[in-house]
Amino acid sequence: ALCDFFLFPKMKIQLKGRRFETIEEIQAESQMVLDRLTKKDFQGCFQAWQRRWDRCVYSQGNYFERDG
């Protein structure tokens, strides 16, 4: 899923090691991370996703590791 390999890792990197006092602080910081994502970030994500599904189709659904 897009969130699993794109959004969540980006959010984790930005928020890692920080302490928040309230849910509102977490929401505000999370929103700032999302607001900083660019069109180029999403384009790269979808290109990587397409490479993954092309590889899956090419391997006929067999197991493979990584994109390489």
PDB file of N, CA and C in Angstrom:
ATOM      1  N   ALA A   1       0.845  -1.180   0.000  1.00  0.00           N
ATOM      2  CA  ALA A   1       0.000   0.000   0.000  1.00  0.00           C
ATOM      3  C   ALA A   1       0.893   1.247   0.000  1.00  0.00           C
ATOM      4  N   LEU A   2       0.428   2.253  -0.655  1.00  0.00           N
ATOM      5  CA  LEU A   2       1.170   3.498  -0.777  1.00  0.00           C
ATOM      6  C   LEU A   2       1.625   4.036   0.576  1.00  0.00           C
ATOM      7  N   CYS A   3       0.759   4.014   1.549  1.00  0.00           N
ATOM      8  CA  CYS A   3       1.109   4.553   2.869  1.00  0.00           C
ATOM      9  C   CYS A   3       2.242   3.761   3.518  1.00  0.00           C
ATOM     10  N   ASP A   4       2.260   2.455   3.304  1.00  0.00           N
ATOM     11  CA  ASP A   4       3.256   1.610   3.951  1.00  0.00           C
ATOM     12  C   ASP A   4       4.670   1.870   3.457  1.00  0.00           C
ATOM     13  N   PHE A   5       4.846   2.127   2.161  1.00  0.00           N
ATOM     14  CA  PHE A   5       6.211   2.277   1.674  1.00  0.00           C
ATOM     15  C   PHE A   5       6.559   3.697   1.261  1.00  0.00           C
ATOM     16  N   PHE A   6       5.652   4.626   1.433  1.00  0.00           N
ATOM     17  CA  PHE A   6       5.949   6.002   1.058  1.00  0.00           C
ATOM     18  C   PHE A   6       5.657   6.985   2.193  1.00  0.00           C
ATOM     19  N   LEU A   7       4.415   7.109   2.581  1.00  0.00           N
ATOM     20  CA  LEU A   7       4.048   8.127   3.563  1.00  0.00           C
ATOM     21  C   LEU A   7       4.553   7.818   4.967  1.00  0.00           C
ATOM     22  N   PHE A   8       4.311   6.614   5.465  1.00  0.00           N
ATOM     23  CA  PHE A   8       4.693   6.289   6.837  1.00  0.00           C
ATOM     24  C   PHE A   8       6.207   6.409   7.060  1.00  0.00           C
ATOM     25  N   PRO A   9       7.047   5.876   6.156  1.00  0.00           N
ATOM     26  CA  PRO A   9       8.489   6.047   6.373  1.00  0.00           C
ATOM     27  C   PRO A   9       8.919   7.519   6.392  1.00  0.00           C
ATOM     28  N   LYS A  10       8.353   8.329   5.522  1.00  0.00           N
ATOM     29  CA  LYS A  10       8.694   9.757   5.520  1.00  0.00           C
ATOM     30  C   LYS A  10       8.284  10.418   6.833  1.00  0.00           C
ATOM     31  N   MET A  11       7.118  10.064   7.328  1.00  0.00           N
ATOM     32  CA  MET A  11       6.658  10.635   8.589  1.00  0.00           C
ATOM     33  C   MET A  11       7.525  10.152   9.747  1.00  0.00           C
ATOM     34  N   LYS A  12       7.872   8.878   9.755  1.00  0.00           N
ATOM     35  CA  LYS A  12       8.692   8.339  10.831  1.00  0.00           C
ATOM     36  C   LYS A  12      10.049   9.027  10.894  1.00  0.00           C
ATOM     37  N   ILE A  13      10.650   9.278   9.738  1.00  0.00           N
ATOM     38  CA  ILE A  13      11.956   9.937   9.705  1.00  0.00           C
ATOM     39  C   ILE A  13      11.858  11.326  10.330  1.00  0.00           C
ATOM     40  N   GLN A  14      10.824  12.068   9.986  1.00  0.00           N
ATOM     41  CA  GLN A  14      10.670  13.437  10.468  1.00  0.00           C
ATOM     42  C   GLN A  14      10.292  13.507  11.950  1.00  0.00           C
ATOM     43  N   LEU A  15       9.548  12.529  12.435  1.00  0.00           N
ATOM     44  CA  LEU A  15       9.028  12.587  13.798  1.00  0.00           C
ATOM     45  C   LEU A  15       9.824  11.745  14.799  1.00  0.00           C
ATOM     46  N   LYS A  16      10.763  10.957  14.299  1.00  0.00           N
ATOM     47  CA  LYS A  16      11.526  10.035  15.142  1.00  0.00           C
ATOM     48  C   LYS A  16      12.247  10.774  16.269  1.00  0.00           C
ATOM     49  N   GLY A  17      12.144  10.224  17.468  1.00  0.00           N
ATOM     50  CA  GLY A  17      12.860  10.734  18.612  1.00  0.00           C
ATOM     51  C   GLY A  17      12.255  11.967  19.264  1.00  0.00           C
ATOM     52  N   ARG A  18      11.148  12.432  18.765  1.00  0.00           N
ATOM     53  CA  ARG A  18      10.519  13.628  19.319  1.00  0.00           C
ATOM     54  C   ARG A  18       9.449  13.230  20.307  1.00  0.00           C
ATOM     55  N   ARG A  19       9.229  14.058  21.292  1.00  0.00           N
ATOM     56  CA  ARG A  19       8.185  13.842  22.292  1.00  0.00           C
ATOM     57  C   ARG A  19       7.120  14.912  22.116  1.00  0.00           C
ATOM     58  N   PHE A  20       5.888  14.497  22.215  1.00  0.00           N
ATOM     59  CA  PHE A  20       4.770  15.419  22.056  1.00  0.00           C
ATOM     60  C   PHE A  20       3.924  15.393  23.317  1.00  0.00           C
ATOM     61  N   GLU A  21       3.449  16.540  23.703  1.00  0.00           N
ATOM     62  CA  GLU A  21       2.639  16.665  24.916  1.00  0.00           C
ATOM     63  C   GLU A  21       1.164  16.356  24.664  1.00  0.00           C
ATOM     64  N   THR A  22       0.705  16.663  23.451  1.00  0.00           N
ATOM     65  CA  THR A  22      -0.726  16.493  23.170  1.00  0.00           C
ATOM     66  C   THR A  22      -0.940  15.844  21.796  1.00  0.00           C
ATOM     67  N   ILE A  23      -2.119  15.310  21.628  1.00  0.00           N
ATOM     68  CA  ILE A  23      -2.525  14.762  20.330  1.00  0.00           C
ATOM     69  C   ILE A  23      -2.493  15.867  19.274  1.00  0.00           C
ATOM     70  N   GLU A  24      -2.876  17.060  19.664  1.00  0.00           N
ATOM     71  CA  GLU A  24      -2.895  18.181  18.730  1.00  0.00           C
ATOM     72  C   GLU A  24      -1.497  18.488  18.188  1.00  0.00           C
ATOM     73  N   GLU A  25      -0.480  18.364  19.038  1.00  0.00           N
ATOM     74  CA  GLU A  25       0.898  18.578  18.593  1.00  0.00           C
ATOM     75  C   GLU A  25       1.303  17.529  17.562  1.00  0.00           C
ATOM     76  N   ILE A  26       0.927  16.295  17.825  1.00  0.00           N
ATOM     77  CA  ILE A  26       1.224  15.214  16.875  1.00  0.00           C
ATOM     78  C   ILE A  26       0.528  15.484  15.549  1.00  0.00           C
ATOM     79  N   GLN A  27      -0.731  15.867  15.611  1.00  0.00           N
ATOM     80  CA  GLN A  27      -1.479  16.144  14.392  1.00  0.00           C
ATOM     81  C   GLN A  27      -0.864  17.307  13.614  1.00  0.00           C
ATOM     82  N   ALA A  28      -0.477  18.367  14.316  1.00  0.00           N
ATOM     83  CA  ALA A  28       0.096  19.539  13.655  1.00  0.00           C
ATOM     84  C   ALA A  28       1.434  19.193  12.994  1.00  0.00           C
ATOM     85  N   GLU A  29       2.292  18.478  13.702  1.00  0.00           N
ATOM     86  CA  GLU A  29       3.591  18.101  13.129  1.00  0.00           C
ATOM     87  C   GLU A  29       3.423  17.143  11.959  1.00  0.00           C
ATOM     88  N   SER A  30       2.493  16.209  12.095  1.00  0.00           N
ATOM     89  CA  SER A  30       2.225  15.276  10.998  1.00  0.00           C
ATOM     90  C   SER A  30       1.714  16.022   9.773  1.00  0.00           C
ATOM     91  N   GLN A  31       0.848  16.988   9.987  1.00  0.00           N
ATOM     92  CA  GLN A  31       0.317  17.779   8.878  1.00  0.00           C
ATOM     93  C   GLN A  31       1.429  18.575   8.197  1.00  0.00           C
ATOM     94  N   MET A  32       2.367  19.093   8.978  1.00  0.00           N
ATOM     95  CA  MET A  32       3.485  19.841   8.385  1.00  0.00           C
ATOM     96  C   MET A  32       4.350  18.934   7.501  1.00  0.00           C
ATOM     97  N   VAL A  33       4.571  17.694   7.954  1.00  0.00           N
ATOM     98  CA  VAL A  33       5.336  16.742   7.143  1.00  0.00           C
ATOM     99  C   VAL A  33       4.602  16.490   5.829  1.00  0.00           C
ATOM    100  N   LEU A  34       3.307  16.266   5.912  1.00  0.00           N
ATOM    101  CA  LEU A  34       2.518  16.015   4.700  1.00  0.00           C
ATOM    102  C   LEU A  34       2.500  17.235   3.788  1.00  0.00           C
ATOM    103  N   ASP A  35       2.408  18.419   4.361  1.00  0.00           N
ATOM    104  CA  ASP A  35       2.366  19.646   3.563  1.00  0.00           C
ATOM    105  C   ASP A  35       3.671  19.891   2.808  1.00  0.00           C
ATOM    106  N   ARG A  36       4.778  19.380   3.329  1.00  0.00           N
ATOM    107  CA  ARG A  36       6.081  19.577   2.678  1.00  0.00           C
ATOM    108  C   ARG A  36       6.325  18.607   1.523  1.00  0.00           C
ATOM    109  N   LEU A  37       5.478  17.601   1.373  1.00  0.00           N
ATOM    110  CA  LEU A  37       5.651  16.676   0.255  1.00  0.00           C
ATOM    111  C   LEU A  37       5.381  17.410  -1.053  1.00  0.00           C
ATOM    112  N   THR A  38       6.199  17.114  -2.036  1.00  0.00           N
ATOM    113  CA  THR A  38       6.080  17.799  -3.319  1.00  0.00           C
ATOM    114  C   THR A  38       5.492  16.871  -4.379  1.00  0.00           C
ATOM    115  N   LYS A  39       5.159  17.483  -5.489  1.00  0.00           N
ATOM    116  CA  LYS A  39       4.677  16.708  -6.632  1.00  0.00           C
ATOM    117  C   LYS A  39       5.747  15.703  -7.060  1.00  0.00           C
ATOM    118  N   LYS A  40       7.008  16.128  -7.009  1.00  0.00           N
ATOM    119  CA  LYS A  40       8.119  15.256  -7.376  1.00  0.00           C
ATOM    120  C   LYS A  40       8.211  14.044  -6.441  1.00  0.00           C
ATOM    121  N   ASP A  41       7.941  14.242  -5.145  1.00  0.00           N
ATOM    122  CA  ASP A  41       7.927  13.126  -4.192  1.00  0.00           C
ATOM    123  C   ASP A  41       6.907  12.070  -4.611  1.00  0.00           C
ATOM    124  N   PHE A  42       5.719  12.532  -4.951  1.00  0.00           N
ATOM    125  CA  PHE A  42       4.662  11.600  -5.355  1.00  0.00           C
ATOM    126  C   PHE A  42       4.965  10.944  -6.695  1.00  0.00           C
ATOM    127  N   GLN A  43       5.528  11.690  -7.626  1.00  0.00           N
ATOM    128  CA  GLN A  43       5.897  11.110  -8.919  1.00  0.00           C
ATOM    129  C   GLN A  43       6.917  10.003  -8.737  1.00  0.00           C
ATOM    130  N   GLY A  44       7.927  10.251  -7.905  1.00  0.00           N
ATOM    131  CA  GLY A  44       8.932   9.226  -7.637  1.00  0.00           C
ATOM    132  C   GLY A  44       8.334   7.999  -6.984  1.00  0.00           C
ATOM    133  N   CYS A  45       7.401   8.227  -6.083  1.00  0.00           N
ATOM    134  CA  CYS A  45       6.730   7.123  -5.408  1.00  0.00           C
ATOM    135  C   CYS A  45       5.976   6.244  -6.408  1.00  0.00           C
ATOM    136  N   PHE A  46       5.213   6.886  -7.280  1.00  0.00           N
ATOM    137  CA  PHE A  46       4.418   6.116  -8.238  1.00  0.00           C
ATOM    138  C   PHE A  46       5.296   5.434  -9.287  1.00  0.00           C
ATOM    139  N   GLN A  47       6.414   6.041  -9.636  1.00  0.00           N
ATOM    140  CA  GLN A  47       7.336   5.379 -10.567  1.00  0.00           C
ATOM    141  C   GLN A  47       7.943   4.138  -9.923  1.00  0.00           C
ATOM    142  N   ALA A  48       8.320   4.242  -8.658  1.00  0.00           N
ATOM    143  CA  ALA A  48       8.864   3.079  -7.943  1.00  0.00           C
ATOM    144  C   ALA A  48       7.804   1.992  -7.802  1.00  0.00           C
ATOM    145  N   TRP A  49       6.570   2.412  -7.532  1.00  0.00           N
ATOM    146  CA  TRP A  49       5.470   1.453  -7.406  1.00  0.00           C
ATOM    147  C   TRP A  49       5.251   0.731  -8.734  1.00  0.00           C
ATOM    148  N   GLN A  50       5.306   1.482  -9.827  1.00  0.00           N
ATOM    149  CA  GLN A  50       5.128   0.861 -11.141  1.00  0.00           C
ATOM    150  C   GLN A  50       6.246  -0.139 -11.421  1.00  0.00           C
ATOM    151  N   ARG A  51       7.479   0.191 -11.062  1.00  0.00           N
ATOM    152  CA  ARG A  51       8.584  -0.770 -11.252  1.00  0.00           C
ATOM    153  C   ARG A  51       8.323  -2.045 -10.459  1.00  0.00           C
ATOM    154  N   ARG A  52       7.795  -1.889  -9.240  1.00  0.00           N
ATOM    155  CA  ARG A  52       7.501  -3.069  -8.413  1.00  0.00           C
ATOM    156  C   ARG A  52       6.427  -3.940  -9.040  1.00  0.00           C
ATOM    157  N   TRP A  53       5.340  -3.305  -9.513  1.00  0.00           N
ATOM    158  CA  TRP A  53       4.286  -4.156 -10.067  1.00  0.00           C
ATOM    159  C   TRP A  53       4.707  -4.745 -11.406  1.00  0.00           C
ATOM    160  N   ASP A  54       5.519  -4.027 -12.193  1.00  0.00           N
ATOM    161  CA  ASP A  54       6.045  -4.605 -13.435  1.00  0.00           C
ATOM    162  C   ASP A  54       6.895  -5.837 -13.116  1.00  0.00           C
ATOM    163  N   ARG A  55       7.701  -5.726 -12.076  1.00  0.00           N
ATOM    164  CA  ARG A  55       8.543  -6.857 -11.679  1.00  0.00           C
ATOM    165  C   ARG A  55       7.690  -8.033 -11.209  1.00  0.00           C
ATOM    166  N   CYS A  56       6.620  -7.740 -10.500  1.00  0.00           N
ATOM    167  CA  CYS A  56       5.719  -8.796 -10.039  1.00  0.00           C
ATOM    168  C   CYS A  56       5.063  -9.503 -11.223  1.00  0.00           C
ATOM    169  N   VAL A  57       4.609  -8.738 -12.195  1.00  0.00           N
ATOM    170  CA  VAL A  57       3.996  -9.327 -13.399  1.00  0.00           C
ATOM    171  C   VAL A  57       5.035 -10.147 -14.153  1.00  0.00           C
ATOM    172  N   TYR A  58       6.243  -9.595 -14.311  1.00  0.00           N
ATOM    173  CA  TYR A  58       7.310 -10.282 -15.021  1.00  0.00           C
ATOM    174  C   TYR A  58       7.661 -11.606 -14.348  1.00  0.00           C
ATOM    175  N   SER A  59       7.656 -11.626 -13.021  1.00  0.00           N
ATOM    176  CA  SER A  59       8.002 -12.856 -12.288  1.00  0.00           C
ATOM    177  C   SER A  59       6.801 -13.788 -12.141  1.00  0.00           C
ATOM    178  N   GLN A  60       5.672 -13.397 -12.734  1.00  0.00           N
ATOM    179  CA  GLN A  60       4.434 -14.181 -12.700  1.00  0.00           C
ATOM    180  C   GLN A  60       3.984 -14.457 -11.269  1.00  0.00           C
ATOM    181  N   GLY A  61       4.217 -13.492 -10.414  1.00  0.00           N
ATOM    182  CA  GLY A  61       3.764 -13.588  -9.025  1.00  0.00           C
ATOM    183  C   GLY A  61       4.696 -14.363  -8.119  1.00  0.00           C
ATOM    184  N   ASN A  62       5.800 -14.878  -8.651  1.00  0.00           N
ATOM    185  CA  ASN A  62       6.758 -15.608  -7.819  1.00  0.00           C
ATOM    186  C   ASN A  62       7.486 -14.636  -6.891  1.00  0.00           C
ATOM    187  N   TYR A  63       8.020 -15.170  -5.832  1.00  0.00           N
ATOM    188  CA  TYR A  63       8.728 -14.350  -4.845  1.00  0.00           C
ATOM    189  C   TYR A  63       9.995 -13.762  -5.434  1.00  0.00           C
ATOM    190  N   PHE A  64      10.272 -12.511  -5.105  1.00  0.00           N
ATOM    191  CA  PHE A  64      11.538 -11.887  -5.445  1.00  0.00           C
ATOM    192  C   PHE A  64      11.858 -10.870  -4.363  1.00  0.00           C
ATOM    193  N   GLU A  65      13.128 -10.509  -4.265  1.00  0.00           N
ATOM    194  CA  GLU A  65      13.542  -9.529  -3.265  1.00  0.00           C
ATOM    195  C   GLU A  65      13.971  -8.253  -3.952  1.00  0.00           C
ATOM    196  N   ARG A  66      13.543  -7.136  -3.381  1.00  0.00           N
ATOM    197  CA  ARG A  66      13.945  -5.804  -3.809  1.00  0.00           C
ATOM    198  C   ARG A  66      13.573  -5.532  -5.258  1.00  0.00           C
ATOM    199  N   ASP A  67      13.987  -4.352  -5.723  1.00  0.00           N
ATOM    200  CA  ASP A  67      13.663  -3.946  -7.082  1.00  0.00           C
ATOM    201  C   ASP A  67      14.762  -4.278  -8.079  1.00  0.00           C
ATOM    202  N   GLY A  68      15.942  -4.635  -7.591  1.00  0.00           N
ATOM    203  CA  GLY A  68      17.106  -4.801  -8.447  1.00  0.00           C
ATOM    204  C   GLY A  68      17.151  -5.998  -9.303  1.00  0.00           C
TER     205      GLY A  68
END
